Amino acid sequence: MSERTDPVAGASATERQSSSDGTLDATGTYETAEGVVLYDTERPLAWLQSDRAFEIGEMR
């Protein structure tokens, strides 16, 4: 996991490049005033934003 500042949003971002089961490969997150943004680091236009915690399975 690495942490960086997102140049567009100006927010701190965390990227997860891999996990033991491969489900979080190339997934990044950062916090904004409105909530948390989850995005695909390989396709940054693919993102979700939420102001509450929820399971990703709810979105399918």
N, C-alpha and C. Protein backbone atom coordinates (compact mmCIF):
# COMPACT_ATOMS: atom_id res chain seq x y z
N MET A 1 0.85 -1.16 0.00
CA MET A 1 0.00 0.00 0.00
C MET A 1 0.90 1.23 0.00
N SER A 2 0.56 2.21 -0.80
CA SER A 2 1.30 3.47 -0.84
C SER A 2 0.33 4.62 -0.66
N GLU A 3 0.84 5.73 -0.15
CA GLU A 3 -0.02 6.90 0.06
C GLU A 3 0.52 8.05 -0.76
N ARG A 4 -0.38 8.83 -1.37
CA ARG A 4 0.02 9.97 -2.17
C ARG A 4 -1.06 11.04 -2.07
N THR A 5 -0.76 12.23 -2.57
CA THR A 5 -1.76 13.29 -2.63
C THR A 5 -2.32 13.35 -4.03
N ASP A 6 -3.61 13.31 -4.15
CA ASP A 6 -4.27 13.36 -5.45
C ASP A 6 -4.18 14.79 -5.97
N PRO A 7 -3.56 15.00 -7.12
CA PRO A 7 -3.38 16.37 -7.62
C PRO A 7 -4.68 17.07 -7.99
N VAL A 8 -5.69 16.34 -8.40
CA VAL A 8 -6.95 16.96 -8.79
C VAL A 8 -7.77 17.31 -7.57
N ALA A 9 -7.96 16.37 -6.68
CA ALA A 9 -8.81 16.58 -5.52
C ALA A 9 -8.06 17.25 -4.37
N GLY A 10 -6.72 17.17 -4.37
CA GLY A 10 -5.95 17.72 -3.29
C GLY A 10 -6.10 16.95 -2.00
N ALA A 11 -6.54 15.71 -2.10
CA ALA A 11 -6.78 14.88 -0.93
C ALA A 11 -5.73 13.78 -0.84
N SER A 12 -5.54 13.28 0.34
CA SER A 12 -4.62 12.17 0.53
C SER A 12 -5.24 10.90 -0.04
N ALA A 13 -4.47 10.15 -0.81
CA ALA A 13 -4.98 8.94 -1.45
C ALA A 13 -4.14 7.74 -1.05
N THR A 14 -4.78 6.58 -0.99
CA THR A 14 -4.09 5.34 -0.70
C THR A 14 -4.34 4.38 -1.84
N GLU A 15 -3.28 3.75 -2.33
CA GLU A 15 -3.41 2.78 -3.41
C GLU A 15 -3.05 1.40 -2.91
N ARG A 16 -3.85 0.40 -3.26
CA ARG A 16 -3.54 -0.99 -2.96
C ARG A 16 -3.29 -1.67 -4.28
N GLN A 17 -2.07 -2.12 -4.48
CA GLN A 17 -1.72 -2.74 -5.75
C GLN A 17 -2.00 -4.23 -5.77
N SER A 18 -1.98 -4.89 -4.64
CA SER A 18 -2.24 -6.33 -4.64
C SER A 18 -2.72 -6.78 -3.27
N SER A 19 -3.34 -7.94 -3.26
CA SER A 19 -3.76 -8.58 -2.03
C SER A 19 -3.56 -10.07 -2.20
N SER A 20 -3.72 -10.79 -1.12
CA SER A 20 -3.49 -12.23 -1.18
C SER A 20 -4.45 -12.95 -2.12
N ASP A 21 -5.70 -12.47 -2.21
CA ASP A 21 -6.67 -13.12 -3.10
C ASP A 21 -6.85 -12.38 -4.42
N GLY A 22 -6.16 -11.25 -4.60
CA GLY A 22 -6.20 -10.53 -5.87
C GLY A 22 -7.42 -9.65 -6.08
N THR A 23 -8.31 -9.55 -5.10
CA THR A 23 -9.53 -8.79 -5.30
C THR A 23 -9.33 -7.28 -5.23
N LEU A 24 -8.26 -6.82 -4.61
CA LEU A 24 -8.06 -5.38 -4.48
C LEU A 24 -6.94 -4.86 -5.37
N ASP A 25 -6.51 -5.64 -6.34
CA ASP A 25 -5.45 -5.19 -7.24
C ASP A 25 -5.87 -3.88 -7.90
N ALA A 26 -4.96 -2.92 -7.90
CA ALA A 26 -5.15 -1.64 -8.59
C ALA A 26 -6.36 -0.87 -8.10
N THR A 27 -6.61 -0.88 -6.79
CA THR A 27 -7.71 -0.12 -6.20
C THR A 27 -7.12 0.99 -5.34
N GLY A 28 -7.64 2.20 -5.50
CA GLY A 28 -7.19 3.32 -4.70
C GLY A 28 -8.36 3.97 -3.98
N THR A 29 -8.07 4.70 -2.91
CA THR A 29 -9.10 5.43 -2.17
C THR A 29 -8.55 6.79 -1.77
N TYR A 30 -9.45 7.74 -1.60
CA TYR A 30 -9.09 9.01 -0.96
C TYR A 30 -10.34 9.63 -0.36
N GLU A 31 -10.13 10.48 0.66
CA GLU A 31 -11.24 11.14 1.34
C GLU A 31 -11.41 12.55 0.80
N THR A 32 -12.67 12.95 0.65
CA THR A 32 -13.02 14.32 0.29
C THR A 32 -13.92 14.87 1.38
N ALA A 33 -14.33 16.11 1.28
CA ALA A 33 -15.24 16.69 2.25
C ALA A 33 -16.60 15.98 2.23
N GLU A 34 -16.95 15.39 1.08
CA GLU A 34 -18.24 14.73 0.93
C GLU A 34 -18.22 13.24 1.27
N GLY A 35 -17.04 12.63 1.41
CA GLY A 35 -16.98 11.20 1.72
C GLY A 35 -15.71 10.56 1.20
N VAL A 36 -15.77 9.26 1.00
CA VAL A 36 -14.63 8.47 0.53
C VAL A 36 -14.85 8.09 -0.92
N VAL A 37 -13.79 8.17 -1.72
CA VAL A 37 -13.84 7.79 -3.13
C VAL A 37 -13.00 6.54 -3.32
N LEU A 38 -13.58 5.52 -3.94
CA LEU A 38 -12.86 4.31 -4.34
C LEU A 38 -12.70 4.37 -5.84
N TYR A 39 -11.50 4.07 -6.35
CA TYR A 39 -11.30 4.14 -7.79
C TYR A 39 -10.33 3.07 -8.27
N ASP A 40 -10.42 2.76 -9.54
CA ASP A 40 -9.54 1.81 -10.22
C ASP A 40 -8.30 2.58 -10.66
N THR A 41 -7.13 2.25 -10.13
CA THR A 41 -5.91 3.00 -10.45
C THR A 41 -5.48 2.81 -11.90
N GLU A 42 -5.95 1.76 -12.55
CA GLU A 42 -5.63 1.56 -13.96
C GLU A 42 -6.59 2.31 -14.87
N ARG A 43 -7.80 2.59 -14.37
CA ARG A 43 -8.81 3.36 -15.11
C ARG A 43 -9.42 4.36 -14.13
N PRO A 44 -8.76 5.49 -13.89
CA PRO A 44 -9.20 6.41 -12.84
C PRO A 44 -10.60 7.00 -13.02
N LEU A 45 -11.18 6.89 -14.20
CA LEU A 45 -12.55 7.38 -14.38
C LEU A 45 -13.59 6.39 -13.85
N ALA A 46 -13.15 5.20 -13.45
CA ALA A 46 -14.05 4.20 -12.85
C ALA A 46 -13.97 4.37 -11.33
N TRP A 47 -14.99 5.00 -10.73
CA TRP A 47 -14.94 5.30 -9.31
C TRP A 47 -16.31 5.25 -8.66
N LEU A 48 -16.31 5.14 -7.33
CA LEU A 48 -17.51 5.19 -6.49
C LEU A 48 -17.22 6.17 -5.37
N GLN A 49 -18.23 6.91 -4.94
CA GLN A 49 -18.08 7.80 -3.79
C GLN A 49 -19.22 7.54 -2.84
N SER A 50 -18.92 7.58 -1.53
CA SER A 50 -19.95 7.33 -0.53
C SER A 50 -19.70 8.20 0.69
N ASP A 51 -20.78 8.57 1.36
CA ASP A 51 -20.65 9.30 2.61
C ASP A 51 -20.95 8.39 3.80
N ARG A 52 -21.08 7.08 3.54
CA ARG A 52 -21.30 6.10 4.60
C ARG A 52 -20.61 4.80 4.21
N ALA A 53 -20.42 3.94 5.19
CA ALA A 53 -19.81 2.63 4.94
C ALA A 53 -20.87 1.68 4.40
N PHE A 54 -20.49 0.86 3.44
CA PHE A 54 -21.38 -0.16 2.91
C PHE A 54 -20.55 -1.24 2.26
N GLU A 55 -21.15 -2.40 2.03
CA GLU A 55 -20.46 -3.48 1.36
C GLU A 55 -20.57 -3.29 -0.14
N ILE A 56 -19.46 -3.49 -0.85
CA ILE A 56 -19.46 -3.33 -2.30
C ILE A 56 -20.50 -4.24 -2.94
N GLY A 57 -20.75 -5.39 -2.36
CA GLY A 57 -21.75 -6.32 -2.89
C GLY A 57 -23.13 -5.69 -3.00
N GLU A 58 -23.43 -4.67 -2.19
CA GLU A 58 -24.71 -3.97 -2.27
C GLU A 58 -24.87 -3.23 -3.59
N MET A 59 -23.76 -2.90 -4.24
CA MET A 59 -23.80 -2.12 -5.48
C MET A 59 -24.03 -2.97 -6.72
N ARG A 60 -23.95 -4.27 -6.60
CA ARG A 60 -24.08 -5.14 -7.77
C ARG A 60 -25.51 -5.39 -8.13
